[in-house]
């Protein structure tokens, strides 16, 4: 015999009301066309629990004991890259056989969810030491100091970005329907290298780099764009220039020019692109450019220049003002 359908809450309430009015179990059963045993059970549960709403049930006994769950959580915390299938194998080797779904539910109950690993620069002890020194030296700097910094860096922007993700709604078996796919080409369809700078007051120059940039090319970019950008952004005389420790940036010819031009350079720790807020600006720029879907490199260059100029000064200031909170 199949499982009978549970009575609605309204019908259960009618049973209770009729019982309170003095009606017999048989009379309620006959009037509502409900088995007498069911009427009796509902009334008995109401007298015990004071409600006709179905209470939570214990369900099937858990496959993992509390001790086994704690062991599972410790295993995942100590090995964050371990897969659910590997966890199942390790538990099975100890005599406990569970499914991947069970492992997933247990980890979710303990606040552990599978996430894409964040990419961070590989840091050696000397890098950690210089980063710590940088943090200690600039921890007490206020917003006034950071608003006088002209941040700079290079980035490559592809015509068709490799890392662009697009989600679609589709049915099973429709993955390769042209409406549900993203066309790709080798090497992103070509790319352009840019040097750019910005400050709290807005974006500065965005300069296209032709070919492989050498120290002479970098020097020419600085000579043509650095001071004009600082003047246009209203940084005054006491501004500070930020650049990373790329060999081209720290070459003798570049250092000599910066000294002669009396440009103060922010001492920068190696392997620290995550400390440079211009990385956030590059992300914004690439997102806006790719949203316009450039079809060739000339259009890509045009869109990059336009979207760089369209970044609001308020967004730049908000980013710089929150610099001390950056990871």
C-alpha atoms as a PDB file:
ATOM      1  CA  UNK A   1       0.000   0.000   0.000  1.00  0.00           C
ATOM      2  CA  UNK A   2       1.309   3.418  -0.929  1.00  0.00           C
ATOM      3  CA  UNK A   3       1.939   6.159   1.560  1.00  0.00           C
ATOM      4  CA  UNK A   4      -1.221   8.158   2.324  1.00  0.00           C
ATOM      5  CA  UNK A   5      -1.269  11.895   1.731  1.00  0.00           C
ATOM      6  CA  UNK A   6      -0.862  14.057   4.833  1.00  0.00           C
ATOM      7  CA  UNK A   7      -3.874  16.113   5.854  1.00  0.00           C
ATOM      8  CA  UNK A   8      -3.750  19.851   5.380  1.00  0.00           C
ATOM      9  CA  UNK A   9      -3.274  22.156   8.359  1.00  0.00           C
ATOM     10  CA  UNK A  10      -6.742  23.652   7.822  1.00  0.00           C
ATOM     11  CA  UNK A  11      -8.397  20.213   7.988  1.00  0.00           C
ATOM     12  CA  UNK A  12      -6.463  19.360  11.156  1.00  0.00           C
ATOM     13  CA  UNK A  13      -7.660  22.619  12.731  1.00  0.00           C
ATOM     14  CA  UNK A  14     -11.272  21.746  11.870  1.00  0.00           C
ATOM     15  CA  UNK A  15     -10.814  18.396  13.622  1.00  0.00           C
ATOM     16  CA  UNK A  16      -9.552  20.162  16.760  1.00  0.00           C
ATOM     17  CA  UNK A  17     -12.390  22.715  16.660  1.00  0.00           C
ATOM     18  CA  UNK A  18     -15.021  19.975  16.351  1.00  0.00           C
ATOM     19  CA  UNK A  19     -13.425  18.060  19.206  1.00  0.00           C
ATOM     20  CA  UNK A  20     -13.473  21.171  21.412  1.00  0.00           C
ATOM     21  CA  UNK A  21     -17.156  21.666  20.610  1.00  0.00           C
ATOM     22  CA  UNK A  22     -17.865  18.221  22.110  1.00  0.00           C
ATOM     23  CA  UNK A  23     -18.252  16.189  18.932  1.00  0.00           C
ATOM     24  CA  UNK A  24     -17.290  12.516  19.224  1.00  0.00           C
ATOM     25  CA  UNK A  25     -14.407  10.908  17.307  1.00  0.00           C
ATOM     26  CA  UNK A  26     -16.852   8.920  15.192  1.00  0.00           C
ATOM     27  CA  UNK A  27     -18.915  11.991  14.429  1.00  0.00           C
ATOM     28  CA  UNK A  28     -15.832  13.976  13.330  1.00  0.00           C
ATOM     29  CA  UNK A  29     -14.674  11.066  11.198  1.00  0.00           C
ATOM     30  CA  UNK A  30     -18.047  10.770   9.478  1.00  0.00           C
ATOM     31  CA  UNK A  31     -18.473  14.513   8.913  1.00  0.00           C
ATOM     32  CA  UNK A  32     -14.980  15.163   7.484  1.00  0.00           C
ATOM     33  CA  UNK A  33     -14.530  11.792   5.768  1.00  0.00           C
ATOM     34  CA  UNK A  34     -11.319  11.141   7.717  1.00  0.00           C
ATOM     35  CA  UNK A  35     -10.472   7.730   9.279  1.00  0.00           C
ATOM     36  CA  UNK A  36     -11.321   7.567  12.983  1.00  0.00           C
ATOM     37  CA  UNK A  37      -7.751   6.486  13.869  1.00  0.00           C
ATOM     38  CA  UNK A  38      -6.368   9.552  12.072  1.00  0.00           C
ATOM     39  CA  UNK A  39      -8.746  11.846  13.974  1.00  0.00           C
ATOM     40  CA  UNK A  40      -7.672  10.266  17.261  1.00  0.00           C
ATOM     41  CA  UNK A  41      -3.958  10.650  16.425  1.00  0.00           C
ATOM     42  CA  UNK A  42      -4.326  14.331  15.493  1.00  0.00           C
ATOM     43  CA  UNK A  43      -6.233  15.113  18.706  1.00  0.00           C
ATOM     44  CA  UNK A  44      -3.682  13.233  20.836  1.00  0.00           C
ATOM     45  CA  UNK A  45      -0.721  15.075  19.230  1.00  0.00           C
ATOM     46  CA  UNK A  46      -2.480  18.409  19.709  1.00  0.00           C
ATOM     47  CA  UNK A  47      -2.968  17.740  23.418  1.00  0.00           C
ATOM     48  CA  UNK A  48       0.745  16.903  23.790  1.00  0.00           C
ATOM     49  CA  UNK A  49       2.352  19.578  21.572  1.00  0.00           C
ATOM     50  CA  UNK A  50      -0.357  22.266  21.386  1.00  0.00           C
ATOM     51  CA  UNK A  51      -0.169  22.524  17.573  1.00  0.00           C
ATOM     52  CA  UNK A  52      -1.375  20.701  14.486  1.00  0.00           C
ATOM     53  CA  UNK A  53       1.683  21.636  12.406  1.00  0.00           C
ATOM     54  CA  UNK A  54       3.935  18.686  11.610  1.00  0.00           C
ATOM     55  CA  UNK A  55       7.001  18.732  13.831  1.00  0.00           C
ATOM     56  CA  UNK A  56      10.542  18.078  12.547  1.00  0.00           C
ATOM     57  CA  UNK A  57      11.357  14.408  12.311  1.00  0.00           C
ATOM     58  CA  UNK A  58      14.665  12.812  13.204  1.00  0.00           C
ATOM     59  CA  UNK A  59      15.077  11.299   9.748  1.00  0.00           C
ATOM     60  CA  UNK A  60      17.512   8.597   8.803  1.00  0.00           C
ATOM     61  CA  UNK A  61      20.408   7.987  11.142  1.00  0.00           C
ATOM     62  CA  UNK A  62      23.530   9.862  10.073  1.00  0.00           C
ATOM     63  CA  UNK A  63      26.258   7.833   8.414  1.00  0.00           C
ATOM     64  CA  UNK A  64      28.957   9.822  10.230  1.00  0.00           C
ATOM     65  CA  UNK A  65      29.163  10.164  13.985  1.00  0.00           C
ATOM     66  CA  UNK A  66      30.000  13.516  15.566  1.00  0.00           C
ATOM     67  CA  UNK A  67      33.573  12.317  16.076  1.00  0.00           C
ATOM     68  CA  UNK A  68      33.836  11.255  12.421  1.00  0.00           C
ATOM     69  CA  UNK A  69      32.493  14.623  11.297  1.00  0.00           C
ATOM     70  CA  UNK A  70      35.096  16.439  13.376  1.00  0.00           C
ATOM     71  CA  UNK A  71      37.803  14.258  11.856  1.00  0.00           C
ATOM     72  CA  UNK A  72      36.492  15.030   8.365  1.00  0.00           C
ATOM     73  CA  UNK A  73      36.552  18.775   9.042  1.00  0.00           C
ATOM     74  CA  UNK A  74      40.093  18.579  10.454  1.00  0.00           C
ATOM     75  CA  UNK A  75      41.204  16.652   7.362  1.00  0.00           C
ATOM     76  CA  UNK A  76      39.844  19.303   4.987  1.00  0.00           C
ATOM     77  CA  UNK A  77      41.205  22.215   7.018  1.00  0.00           C
ATOM     78  CA  UNK A  78      44.693  20.681   7.051  1.00  0.00           C
ATOM     79  CA  UNK A  79      44.497  19.852   3.320  1.00  0.00           C
ATOM     80  CA  UNK A  80      42.400  22.566   1.647  1.00  0.00           C
ATOM     81  CA  UNK A  81      43.165  21.206  -1.849  1.00  0.00           C
ATOM     82  CA  UNK A  82      41.862  17.696  -1.141  1.00  0.00           C
ATOM     83  CA  UNK A  83      38.905  16.642  -3.324  1.00  0.00           C
ATOM     84  CA  UNK A  84      35.607  15.213  -2.095  1.00  0.00           C
ATOM     85  CA  UNK A  85      36.362  11.919  -3.834  1.00  0.00           C
ATOM     86  CA  UNK A  86      39.702  11.672  -2.070  1.00  0.00           C
ATOM     87  CA  UNK A  87      37.977  12.353   1.262  1.00  0.00           C
ATOM     88  CA  UNK A  88      35.572   9.477   0.534  1.00  0.00           C
ATOM     89  CA  UNK A  89      38.499   7.148  -0.216  1.00  0.00           C
ATOM     90  CA  UNK A  90      40.297   8.126   2.996  1.00  0.00           C
ATOM     91  CA  UNK A  91      37.152   7.514   5.051  1.00  0.00           C
ATOM     92  CA  UNK A  92      36.531   4.215   3.291  1.00  0.00           C
ATOM     93  CA  UNK A  93      40.071   3.102   4.141  1.00  0.00           C
ATOM     94  CA  UNK A  94      39.136   3.616   7.806  1.00  0.00           C
ATOM     95  CA  UNK A  95      35.971   1.548   7.438  1.00  0.00           C
ATOM     96  CA  UNK A  96      33.429   4.345   6.835  1.00  0.00           C
ATOM     97  CA  UNK A  97      31.714   4.366   3.449  1.00  0.00           C
ATOM     98  CA  UNK A  98      29.950   7.606   2.509  1.00  0.00           C
ATOM     99  CA  UNK A  99      28.939   9.324  -0.714  1.00  0.00           C
ATOM    100  CA  UNK A 100      30.356  12.524  -2.171  1.00  0.00           C
ATOM    101  CA  UNK A 101      27.021  14.231  -1.408  1.00  0.00           C
ATOM    102  CA  UNK A 102      27.319  13.307   2.266  1.00  0.00           C
ATOM    103  CA  UNK A 103      30.814  14.763   2.451  1.00  0.00           C
ATOM    104  CA  UNK A 104      29.566  17.940   0.772  1.00  0.00           C
ATOM    105  CA  UNK A 105      26.618  18.318   3.191  1.00  0.00           C
ATOM    106  CA  UNK A 106      28.823  17.793   6.243  1.00  0.00           C
ATOM    107  CA  UNK A 107      31.355  20.386   5.082  1.00  0.00           C
ATOM    108  CA  UNK A 108      28.580  22.871   4.292  1.00  0.00           C
ATOM    109  CA  UNK A 109      27.150  22.439   7.789  1.00  0.00           C
ATOM    110  CA  UNK A 110      30.543  23.443   9.161  1.00  0.00           C
ATOM    111  CA  UNK A 111      30.793  26.511   6.912  1.00  0.00           C
ATOM    112  CA  UNK A 112      33.288  24.995   4.447  1.00  0.00           C
ATOM    113  CA  UNK A 113      32.552  25.463   0.751  1.00  0.00           C
ATOM    114  CA  UNK A 114      34.570  24.765  -2.363  1.00  0.00           C
ATOM    115  CA  UNK A 115      35.978  27.988  -3.814  1.00  0.00           C
ATOM    116  CA  UNK A 116      38.426  28.867  -6.539  1.00  0.00           C
ATOM    117  CA  UNK A 117      41.908  29.380  -5.079  1.00  0.00           C
ATOM    118  CA  UNK A 118      43.018  33.015  -5.258  1.00  0.00           C
ATOM    119  CA  UNK A 119      46.238  33.640  -7.161  1.00  0.00           C
ATOM    120  CA  UNK A 120      48.911  35.434  -5.168  1.00  0.00           C
ATOM    121  CA  UNK A 121      52.577  36.203  -5.901  1.00  0.00           C
ATOM    122  CA  UNK A 122      55.065  33.606  -4.734  1.00  0.00           C
ATOM    123  CA  UNK A 123      56.783  35.190  -1.736  1.00  0.00           C
ATOM    124  CA  UNK A 124      60.139  34.227  -0.297  1.00  0.00           C
ATOM    125  CA  UNK A 125      61.425  35.270   3.134  1.00  0.00           C
ATOM    126  CA  UNK A 126      63.148  38.380   1.782  1.00  0.00           C
ATOM    127  CA  UNK A 127      59.906  39.442   0.076  1.00  0.00           C
ATOM    128  CA  UNK A 128      57.972  38.987   3.296  1.00  0.00           C
ATOM    129  CA  UNK A 129      60.545  41.047   5.145  1.00  0.00           C
ATOM    130  CA  UNK A 130      60.359  43.976   2.699  1.00  0.00           C
ATOM    131  CA  UNK A 131      56.555  43.867   2.620  1.00  0.00           C
ATOM    132  CA  UNK A 132      56.439  43.965   6.407  1.00  0.00           C
ATOM    133  CA  UNK A 133      58.843  46.919   6.431  1.00  0.00           C
ATOM    134  CA  UNK A 134      56.716  48.732   3.845  1.00  0.00           C
ATOM    135  CA  UNK A 135      53.621  48.206   5.972  1.00  0.00           C
ATOM    136  CA  UNK A 136      55.376  49.373   9.150  1.00  0.00           C
ATOM    137  CA  UNK A 137      56.806  52.486   7.441  1.00  0.00           C
ATOM    138  CA  UNK A 138      53.471  53.555   5.960  1.00  0.00           C
ATOM    139  CA  UNK A 139      50.973  52.370   8.544  1.00  0.00           C
ATOM    140  CA  UNK A 140      50.546  55.827  10.028  1.00  0.00           C
ATOM    141  CA  UNK A 141      50.294  57.689   6.710  1.00  0.00           C
ATOM    142  CA  UNK A 142      46.976  59.485   6.404  1.00  0.00           C
ATOM    143  CA  UNK A 143      44.782  60.075   3.358  1.00  0.00           C
ATOM    144  CA  UNK A 144      46.640  63.269   2.513  1.00  0.00           C
ATOM    145  CA  UNK A 145      49.831  61.310   1.803  1.00  0.00           C
ATOM    146  CA  UNK A 146      48.169  58.648  -0.371  1.00  0.00           C
ATOM    147  CA  UNK A 147      46.265  61.270  -2.346  1.00  0.00           C
ATOM    148  CA  UNK A 148      49.617  62.675  -3.452  1.00  0.00           C
ATOM    149  CA  UNK A 149      50.814  59.341  -4.877  1.00  0.00           C
ATOM    150  CA  UNK A 150      50.829  58.818  -8.637  1.00  0.00           C
ATOM    151  CA  UNK A 151      50.352  55.074  -9.122  1.00  0.00           C
ATOM    152  CA  UNK A 152      51.632  53.372 -12.275  1.00  0.00           C
ATOM    153  CA  UNK A 153      51.950  49.981 -13.921  1.00  0.00           C
ATOM    154  CA  UNK A 154      51.737  48.097 -17.214  1.00  0.00           C
ATOM    155  CA  UNK A 155      49.038  45.695 -18.328  1.00  0.00           C
ATOM    156  CA  UNK A 156      48.191  43.610 -21.377  1.00  0.00           C
ATOM    157  CA  UNK A 157      44.650  43.750 -22.721  1.00  0.00           C
ATOM    158  CA  UNK A 158      43.570  41.055 -25.166  1.00  0.00           C
ATOM    159  CA  UNK A 159      41.086  41.560 -27.952  1.00  0.00           C
ATOM    160  CA  UNK A 160      39.144  38.491 -26.765  1.00  0.00           C
ATOM    161  CA  UNK A 161      40.039  37.903 -23.148  1.00  0.00           C
ATOM    162  CA  UNK A 162      40.953  34.315 -22.227  1.00  0.00           C
ATOM    163  CA  UNK A 163      39.597  34.655 -18.687  1.00  0.00           C
ATOM    164  CA  UNK A 164      36.189  36.044 -19.586  1.00  0.00           C
ATOM    165  CA  UNK A 165      33.393  33.897 -18.117  1.00  0.00           C
ATOM    166  CA  UNK A 166      29.837  33.891 -19.379  1.00  0.00           C
ATOM    167  CA  UNK A 167      26.960  31.963 -17.826  1.00  0.00           C
ATOM    168  CA  UNK A 168      23.989  30.798 -19.909  1.00  0.00           C
ATOM    169  CA  UNK A 169      20.654  29.157 -19.162  1.00  0.00           C
ATOM    170  CA  UNK A 170      20.420  25.879 -21.084  1.00  0.00           C
ATOM    171  CA  UNK A 171      19.025  22.372 -20.911  1.00  0.00           C
ATOM    172  CA  UNK A 172      21.021  19.183 -20.686  1.00  0.00           C
ATOM    173  CA  UNK A 173      22.540  18.315 -24.065  1.00  0.00           C
ATOM    174  CA  UNK A 174      22.507  21.937 -25.314  1.00  0.00           C
ATOM    175  CA  UNK A 175      26.067  22.837 -24.227  1.00  0.00           C
ATOM    176  CA  UNK A 176      27.344  23.135 -27.812  1.00  0.00           C
ATOM    177  CA  UNK A 177      24.394  24.970 -29.247  1.00  0.00           C
ATOM    178  CA  UNK A 178      25.900  28.120 -30.895  1.00  0.00           C
ATOM    179  CA  UNK A 179      23.634  30.265 -28.705  1.00  0.00           C
ATOM    180  CA  UNK A 180      25.263  28.737 -25.608  1.00  0.00           C
ATOM    181  CA  UNK A 181      28.945  28.913 -26.609  1.00  0.00           C
ATOM    182  CA  UNK A 182      31.626  31.622 -26.599  1.00  0.00           C
ATOM    183  CA  UNK A 183      33.834  31.866 -29.708  1.00  0.00           C
ATOM    184  CA  UNK A 184      37.579  31.765 -28.941  1.00  0.00           C
ATOM    185  CA  UNK A 185      40.686  32.398 -30.999  1.00  0.00           C
ATOM    186  CA  UNK A 186      44.344  31.627 -30.366  1.00  0.00           C
ATOM    187  CA  UNK A 187      46.282  34.068 -28.186  1.00  0.00           C
ATOM    188  CA  UNK A 188      43.142  36.085 -27.491  1.00  0.00           C
ATOM    189  CA  UNK A 189      43.028  37.439 -31.052  1.00  0.00           C
ATOM    190  CA  UNK A 190      45.950  39.774 -30.389  1.00  0.00           C
ATOM    191  CA  UNK A 191      46.633  42.176 -27.549  1.00  0.00           C
ATOM    192  CA  UNK A 192      47.936  45.626 -26.660  1.00  0.00           C
ATOM    193  CA  UNK A 193      50.332  46.472 -23.848  1.00  0.00           C
ATOM    194  CA  UNK A 194      49.594  49.691 -21.979  1.00  0.00           C
ATOM    195  CA  UNK A 195      51.400  51.808 -19.422  1.00  0.00           C
ATOM    196  CA  UNK A 196      49.084  53.874 -17.282  1.00  0.00           C
ATOM    197  CA  UNK A 197      48.955  55.994 -14.154  1.00  0.00           C
ATOM    198  CA  UNK A 198      46.301  57.379 -11.842  1.00  0.00           C
ATOM    199  CA  UNK A 199      45.904  59.244  -8.568  1.00  0.00           C
ATOM    200  CA  UNK A 200      43.100  59.928  -6.126  1.00  0.00           C
ATOM    201  CA  UNK A 201      42.003  62.858  -8.294  1.00  0.00           C
ATOM    202  CA  UNK A 202      41.511  60.769 -11.443  1.00  0.00           C
ATOM    203  CA  UNK A 203      43.190  58.852 -14.239  1.00  0.00           C
ATOM    204  CA  UNK A 204      46.387  60.056 -15.863  1.00  0.00           C
ATOM    205  CA  UNK A 205      47.911  59.047 -19.185  1.00  0.00           C
ATOM    206  CA  UNK A 206      47.305  55.660 -20.795  1.00  0.00           C
ATOM    207  CA  UNK A 207      50.159  55.014 -23.186  1.00  0.00           C
ATOM    208  CA  UNK A 208      50.328  52.195 -25.736  1.00  0.00           C
ATOM    209  CA  UNK A 209      53.582  50.214 -25.669  1.00  0.00           C
ATOM    210  CA  UNK A 210      54.841  49.142 -29.083  1.00  0.00           C
ATOM    211  CA  UNK A 211      56.537  45.750 -29.105  1.00  0.00           C
ATOM    212  CA  UNK A 212      58.639  44.571 -26.183  1.00  0.00           C
ATOM    213  CA  UNK A 213      59.295  47.479 -23.852  1.00  0.00           C
ATOM    214  CA  UNK A 214      62.954  48.180 -23.092  1.00  0.00           C
ATOM    215  CA  UNK A 215      64.391  50.595 -20.560  1.00  0.00           C
ATOM    216  CA  UNK A 216      64.767  53.254 -23.258  1.00  0.00           C
ATOM    217  CA  UNK A 217      61.074  52.898 -24.157  1.00  0.00           C
ATOM    218  CA  UNK A 218      60.087  53.138 -20.511  1.00  0.00           C
ATOM    219  CA  UNK A 219      62.207  56.246 -20.037  1.00  0.00           C
ATOM    220  CA  UNK A 220      60.531  57.900 -23.032  1.00  0.00           C
ATOM    221  CA  UNK A 221      57.083  57.088 -21.610  1.00  0.00           C
ATOM    222  CA  UNK A 222      58.009  58.709 -18.292  1.00  0.00           C
ATOM    223  CA  UNK A 223      59.489  61.772 -19.986  1.00  0.00           C
ATOM    224  CA  UNK A 224      56.380  62.304 -22.079  1.00  0.00           C
ATOM    225  CA  UNK A 225      53.644  61.387 -19.583  1.00  0.00           C
ATOM    226  CA  UNK A 226      54.741  61.575 -15.941  1.00  0.00           C
ATOM    227  CA  UNK A 227      54.868  65.282 -15.187  1.00  0.00           C
ATOM    228  CA  UNK A 228      51.970  66.192 -17.530  1.00  0.00           C
ATOM    229  CA  UNK A 229      49.790  63.648 -15.734  1.00  0.00           C
ATOM    230  CA  UNK A 230      50.796  65.005 -12.321  1.00  0.00           C
ATOM    231  CA  UNK A 231      49.976  68.579 -13.415  1.00  0.00           C
ATOM    232  CA  UNK A 232      46.664  67.576 -14.970  1.00  0.00           C
ATOM    233  CA  UNK A 233      45.660  65.744 -11.800  1.00  0.00           C
ATOM    234  CA  UNK A 234      46.570  68.719  -9.616  1.00  0.00           C
ATOM    235  CA  UNK A 235      49.091  66.865  -7.431  1.00  0.00           C
ATOM    236  CA  UNK A 236      51.124  70.023  -6.723  1.00  0.00           C
ATOM    237  CA  UNK A 237      54.863  69.865  -6.000  1.00  0.00           C
ATOM    238  CA  UNK A 238      55.151  67.279  -3.237  1.00  0.00           C
ATOM    239  CA  UNK A 239      53.738  64.301  -5.103  1.00  0.00           C
ATOM    240  CA  UNK A 240      55.283  60.818  -5.012  1.00  0.00           C
ATOM    241  CA  UNK A 241      55.723  58.445  -7.943  1.00  0.00           C
ATOM    242  CA  UNK A 242      55.002  54.737  -7.497  1.00  0.00           C
ATOM    243  CA  UNK A 243      56.438  52.027  -9.725  1.00  0.00           C
ATOM    244  CA  UNK A 244      57.310  48.378  -9.130  1.00  0.00           C
ATOM    245  CA  UNK A 245      60.797  46.882  -9.197  1.00  0.00           C
ATOM    246  CA  UNK A 246      60.830  45.672 -12.776  1.00  0.00           C
ATOM    247  CA  UNK A 247      64.437  45.803 -14.102  1.00  0.00           C
ATOM    248  CA  UNK A 248      63.410  48.445 -16.657  1.00  0.00           C
ATOM    249  CA  UNK A 249      62.005  50.619 -13.895  1.00  0.00           C
ATOM    250  CA  UNK A 250      65.089  50.357 -11.706  1.00  0.00           C
ATOM    251  CA  UNK A 251      67.648  50.691 -14.503  1.00  0.00           C
ATOM    252  CA  UNK A 252      70.426  53.227 -14.107  1.00  0.00           C
ATOM    253  CA  UNK A 253      69.215  55.472 -16.921  1.00  0.00           C
ATOM    254  CA  UNK A 254      65.699  55.677 -15.433  1.00  0.00           C
ATOM    255  CA  UNK A 255      66.996  56.338 -11.913  1.00  0.00           C
ATOM    256  CA  UNK A 256      69.248  59.139 -13.186  1.00  0.00           C
ATOM    257  CA  UNK A 257      66.372  60.832 -15.011  1.00  0.00           C
ATOM    258  CA  UNK A 258      64.084  60.605 -11.971  1.00  0.00           C
ATOM    259  CA  UNK A 259      66.820  62.169  -9.820  1.00  0.00           C
ATOM    260  CA  UNK A 260      67.470  64.940 -12.320  1.00  0.00           C
ATOM    261  CA  UNK A 261      63.733  65.632 -12.629  1.00  0.00           C
ATOM    262  CA  UNK A 262      63.524  65.752  -8.801  1.00  0.00           C
ATOM    263  CA  UNK A 263      60.746  63.178  -8.727  1.00  0.00           C
ATOM    264  CA  UNK A 264      60.380  61.379  -5.418  1.00  0.00           C
ATOM    265  CA  UNK A 265      59.878  57.624  -5.848  1.00  0.00           C
ATOM    266  CA  UNK A 266      57.940  55.511  -3.362  1.00  0.00           C
ATOM    267  CA  UNK A 267      60.110  52.684  -2.038  1.00  0.00           C
ATOM    268  CA  UNK A 268      58.313  49.556  -3.221  1.00  0.00           C
ATOM    269  CA  UNK A 269      58.587  45.931  -2.007  1.00  0.00           C
ATOM    270  CA  UNK A 270      59.248  43.303  -4.686  1.00  0.00           C
ATOM    271  CA  UNK A 271      56.606  40.746  -5.657  1.00  0.00           C
ATOM    272  CA  UNK A 272      53.810  43.019  -4.469  1.00  0.00           C
ATOM    273  CA  UNK A 273      51.366  43.741  -7.313  1.00  0.00           C
ATOM    274  CA  UNK A 274      48.555  43.126  -4.834  1.00  0.00           C
ATOM    275  CA  UNK A 275      49.607  46.261  -2.953  1.00  0.00           C
ATOM    276  CA  UNK A 276      49.148  48.455  -6.012  1.00  0.00           C
ATOM    277  CA  UNK A 277      45.583  49.842  -6.326  1.00  0.00           C
ATOM    278  CA  UNK A 278      46.040  50.328 -10.057  1.00  0.00           C
ATOM    279  CA  UNK A 279      45.415  46.578 -10.372  1.00  0.00           C
ATOM    280  CA  UNK A 280      41.816  47.340  -9.388  1.00  0.00           C
ATOM    281  CA  UNK A 281      41.708  50.003 -12.065  1.00  0.00           C
ATOM    282  CA  UNK A 282      42.933  47.536 -14.700  1.00  0.00           C
ATOM    283  CA  UNK A 283      40.121  45.168 -13.737  1.00  0.00           C
ATOM    284  CA  UNK A 284      37.547  47.922 -14.161  1.00  0.00           C
ATOM    285  CA  UNK A 285      39.041  48.979 -17.489  1.00  0.00           C
ATOM    286  CA  UNK A 286      39.114  45.460 -18.961  1.00  0.00           C
ATOM    287  CA  UNK A 287      35.555  44.781 -17.861  1.00  0.00           C
ATOM    288  CA  UNK A 288      34.255  47.971 -19.478  1.00  0.00           C
ATOM    289  CA  UNK A 289      36.248  47.468 -22.686  1.00  0.00           C
ATOM    290  CA  UNK A 290      35.226  43.836 -23.182  1.00  0.00           C
ATOM    291  CA  UNK A 291      31.587  44.780 -22.552  1.00  0.00           C
ATOM    292  CA  UNK A 292      31.801  46.874 -25.739  1.00  0.00           C
ATOM    293  CA  UNK A 293      33.081  43.839 -27.693  1.00  0.00           C
ATOM    294  CA  UNK A 294      35.880  45.370 -29.832  1.00  0.00           C
ATOM    295  CA  UNK A 295      36.291  43.562 -33.161  1.00  0.00           C
ATOM    296  CA  UNK A 296      39.884  44.541 -34.048  1.00  0.00           C
ATOM    297  CA  UNK A 297      42.984  45.946 -32.369  1.00  0.00           C
ATOM    298  CA  UNK A 298      42.413  49.516 -33.530  1.00  0.00           C
ATOM    299  CA  UNK A 299      38.968  49.445 -31.943  1.00  0.00           C
ATOM    300  CA  UNK A 300      40.432  47.840 -28.813  1.00  0.00           C
ATOM    301  CA  UNK A 301      42.907  50.730 -28.509  1.00  0.00           C
ATOM    302  CA  UNK A 302      40.151  53.301 -29.013  1.00  0.00           C
ATOM    303  CA  UNK A 303      37.847  51.699 -26.427  1.00  0.00           C
ATOM    304  CA  UNK A 304      40.659  51.462 -23.887  1.00  0.00           C
ATOM    305  CA  UNK A 305      41.437  55.162 -24.186  1.00  0.00           C
ATOM    306  CA  UNK A 306      37.762  56.112 -23.949  1.00  0.00           C
ATOM    307  CA  UNK A 307      36.953  53.881 -20.978  1.00  0.00           C
ATOM    308  CA  UNK A 308      40.111  54.957 -19.119  1.00  0.00           C
ATOM    309  CA  UNK A 309      39.009  58.575 -19.469  1.00  0.00           C
ATOM    310  CA  UNK A 310      35.481  57.661 -18.378  1.00  0.00           C
ATOM    311  CA  UNK A 311      36.557  56.293 -14.998  1.00  0.00           C
ATOM    312  CA  UNK A 312      35.111  58.736 -12.475  1.00  0.00           C
ATOM    313  CA  UNK A 313      37.485  60.683 -10.199  1.00  0.00           C
ATOM    314  CA  UNK A 314      35.196  59.755  -7.294  1.00  0.00           C
ATOM    315  CA  UNK A 315      35.955  56.068  -7.931  1.00  0.00           C
ATOM    316  CA  UNK A 316      39.693  56.802  -7.920  1.00  0.00           C
ATOM    317  CA  UNK A 317      39.496  58.717  -4.660  1.00  0.00           C
ATOM    318  CA  UNK A 318      37.384  56.023  -3.004  1.00  0.00           C
ATOM    319  CA  UNK A 319      39.945  53.392  -3.999  1.00  0.00           C
ATOM    320  CA  UNK A 320      42.917  55.397  -2.745  1.00  0.00           C
ATOM    321  CA  UNK A 321      41.199  56.469   0.466  1.00  0.00           C
ATOM    322  CA  UNK A 322      40.634  52.813   1.294  1.00  0.00           C
ATOM    323  CA  UNK A 323      44.208  51.833   0.427  1.00  0.00           C
ATOM    324  CA  UNK A 324      45.184  50.884   3.977  1.00  0.00           C
ATOM    325  CA  UNK A 325      42.335  48.368   4.000  1.00  0.00           C
ATOM    326  CA  UNK A 326      43.510  46.591   0.827  1.00  0.00           C
ATOM    327  CA  UNK A 327      44.638  42.925   1.371  1.00  0.00           C
END
